[in-house]
């Protein structure tokens, strides 16, 4: 672990939605699609699901990057196939 790195920063859906600039529903969809995932933790003696901040951000950035790459490739194919 490097200096300044906090081990296990777990956040609620609402915080992740605010961070990503999307709705809570979209965060839930991303989770259902397997793009980001939750982790079970104990909070106030109860088992709850929360998002581990760093892996969640990394997964979302990868998803957006992959999506942009696919769009870019499709755009190039369209230009190549146009007369």
C-alpha atoms as a PDB file:
ATOM      1  CA  UNK A   1       0.000   0.000   0.000  1.00  0.00           C
ATOM      2  CA  UNK A   2       1.408   3.402  -0.999  1.00  0.00           C
ATOM      3  CA  UNK A   3       1.395   6.603   1.068  1.00  0.00           C
ATOM      4  CA  UNK A   4      -1.970   8.315   1.079  1.00  0.00           C
ATOM      5  CA  UNK A   5      -3.858   5.229  -0.063  1.00  0.00           C
ATOM      6  CA  UNK A   6      -6.792   4.303   2.123  1.00  0.00           C
ATOM      7  CA  UNK A   7      -7.537   0.597   2.280  1.00  0.00           C
ATOM      8  CA  UNK A   8     -11.192  -0.125   1.706  1.00  0.00           C
ATOM      9  CA  UNK A   9     -13.053   3.135   1.122  1.00  0.00           C
ATOM     10  CA  UNK A  10     -16.623   1.905   0.763  1.00  0.00           C
ATOM     11  CA  UNK A  11     -19.433   4.137  -0.475  1.00  0.00           C
ATOM     12  CA  UNK A  12     -23.190   4.049  -0.965  1.00  0.00           C
ATOM     13  CA  UNK A  13     -24.858   4.035  -4.387  1.00  0.00           C
ATOM     14  CA  UNK A  14     -25.856   7.698  -4.062  1.00  0.00           C
ATOM     15  CA  UNK A  15     -22.241   8.816  -3.650  1.00  0.00           C
ATOM     16  CA  UNK A  16     -21.048   6.780  -6.644  1.00  0.00           C
ATOM     17  CA  UNK A  17     -23.872   8.242  -8.749  1.00  0.00           C
ATOM     18  CA  UNK A  18     -22.884  11.763  -7.747  1.00  0.00           C
ATOM     19  CA  UNK A  19     -19.216  11.061  -8.442  1.00  0.00           C
ATOM     20  CA  UNK A  20     -19.938   9.646 -11.918  1.00  0.00           C
ATOM     21  CA  UNK A  21     -22.541  12.288 -12.759  1.00  0.00           C
ATOM     22  CA  UNK A  22     -25.263   9.700 -13.367  1.00  0.00           C
ATOM     23  CA  UNK A  23     -28.464   8.647 -11.628  1.00  0.00           C
ATOM     24  CA  UNK A  24     -28.689   6.103  -8.834  1.00  0.00           C
ATOM     25  CA  UNK A  25     -30.655   3.923 -11.265  1.00  0.00           C
ATOM     26  CA  UNK A  26     -27.756   4.029 -13.771  1.00  0.00           C
ATOM     27  CA  UNK A  27     -25.316   2.894 -11.072  1.00  0.00           C
ATOM     28  CA  UNK A  28     -27.681   0.020 -10.303  1.00  0.00           C
ATOM     29  CA  UNK A  29     -27.811  -0.866 -14.019  1.00  0.00           C
ATOM     30  CA  UNK A  30     -24.005  -0.797 -14.279  1.00  0.00           C
ATOM     31  CA  UNK A  31     -23.904  -3.162 -11.307  1.00  0.00           C
ATOM     32  CA  UNK A  32     -26.510  -5.513 -12.822  1.00  0.00           C
ATOM     33  CA  UNK A  33     -24.556  -5.524 -16.108  1.00  0.00           C
ATOM     34  CA  UNK A  34     -21.402  -6.553 -14.224  1.00  0.00           C
ATOM     35  CA  UNK A  35     -19.489  -3.391 -15.130  1.00  0.00           C
ATOM     36  CA  UNK A  36     -19.010  -2.369 -11.500  1.00  0.00           C
ATOM     37  CA  UNK A  37     -19.518  -4.463  -8.401  1.00  0.00           C
ATOM     38  CA  UNK A  38     -20.363  -4.158  -4.746  1.00  0.00           C
ATOM     39  CA  UNK A  39     -18.696  -5.698  -1.737  1.00  0.00           C
ATOM     40  CA  UNK A  40     -20.456  -6.996   1.362  1.00  0.00           C
ATOM     41  CA  UNK A  41     -19.271  -5.197   4.475  1.00  0.00           C
ATOM     42  CA  UNK A  42     -20.416  -4.911   8.070  1.00  0.00           C
ATOM     43  CA  UNK A  43     -21.844  -1.498   8.892  1.00  0.00           C
ATOM     44  CA  UNK A  44     -23.356  -0.843  12.312  1.00  0.00           C
ATOM     45  CA  UNK A  45     -23.538  -4.590  12.883  1.00  0.00           C
ATOM     46  CA  UNK A  46     -25.458  -5.218   9.635  1.00  0.00           C
ATOM     47  CA  UNK A  47     -24.240  -6.761   6.404  1.00  0.00           C
ATOM     48  CA  UNK A  48     -24.623  -4.220   3.581  1.00  0.00           C
ATOM     49  CA  UNK A  49     -23.366  -3.858   0.013  1.00  0.00           C
ATOM     50  CA  UNK A  50     -21.100  -0.918  -0.768  1.00  0.00           C
ATOM     51  CA  UNK A  51     -18.820   0.153  -3.625  1.00  0.00           C
ATOM     52  CA  UNK A  52     -15.072   0.038  -3.006  1.00  0.00           C
ATOM     53  CA  UNK A  53     -14.074   3.426  -4.418  1.00  0.00           C
ATOM     54  CA  UNK A  54     -10.831   2.770  -6.314  1.00  0.00           C
ATOM     55  CA  UNK A  55     -11.821  -0.499  -8.058  1.00  0.00           C
ATOM     56  CA  UNK A  56     -15.229   0.999  -8.883  1.00  0.00           C
ATOM     57  CA  UNK A  57     -13.694   4.061 -10.537  1.00  0.00           C
ATOM     58  CA  UNK A  58     -11.160   1.907 -12.403  1.00  0.00           C
ATOM     59  CA  UNK A  59     -13.894  -0.397 -13.711  1.00  0.00           C
ATOM     60  CA  UNK A  60     -16.049   2.529 -14.830  1.00  0.00           C
ATOM     61  CA  UNK A  61     -13.149   4.247 -16.604  1.00  0.00           C
ATOM     62  CA  UNK A  62     -12.320   0.974 -18.390  1.00  0.00           C
ATOM     63  CA  UNK A  63     -15.965   0.617 -19.428  1.00  0.00           C
ATOM     64  CA  UNK A  64     -16.053   4.161 -20.832  1.00  0.00           C
ATOM     65  CA  UNK A  65     -12.709   3.671 -22.576  1.00  0.00           C
ATOM     66  CA  UNK A  66     -13.820   0.386 -24.160  1.00  0.00           C
ATOM     67  CA  UNK A  67     -17.082   1.993 -25.241  1.00  0.00           C
ATOM     68  CA  UNK A  68     -15.259   4.959 -26.821  1.00  0.00           C
ATOM     69  CA  UNK A  69     -12.860   2.595 -28.607  1.00  0.00           C
ATOM     70  CA  UNK A  70     -15.771   0.602 -30.053  1.00  0.00           C
ATOM     71  CA  UNK A  71     -17.478   3.778 -31.272  1.00  0.00           C
ATOM     72  CA  UNK A  72     -14.210   4.964 -32.818  1.00  0.00           C
ATOM     73  CA  UNK A  73     -13.709   1.672 -34.638  1.00  0.00           C
ATOM     74  CA  UNK A  74     -17.284   1.711 -35.947  1.00  0.00           C
ATOM     75  CA  UNK A  75     -16.782   5.269 -37.185  1.00  0.00           C
ATOM     76  CA  UNK A  76     -13.584   4.263 -39.014  1.00  0.00           C
ATOM     77  CA  UNK A  77     -15.335   1.302 -40.654  1.00  0.00           C
ATOM     78  CA  UNK A  78     -18.112   3.611 -41.863  1.00  0.00           C
ATOM     79  CA  UNK A  79     -15.573   5.986 -43.439  1.00  0.00           C
ATOM     80  CA  UNK A  80     -13.714   3.132 -45.124  1.00  0.00           C
ATOM     81  CA  UNK A  81     -16.883   1.564 -46.548  1.00  0.00           C
ATOM     82  CA  UNK A  82     -18.302   4.872 -47.866  1.00  0.00           C
ATOM     83  CA  UNK A  83     -17.762   5.477 -51.628  1.00  0.00           C
END
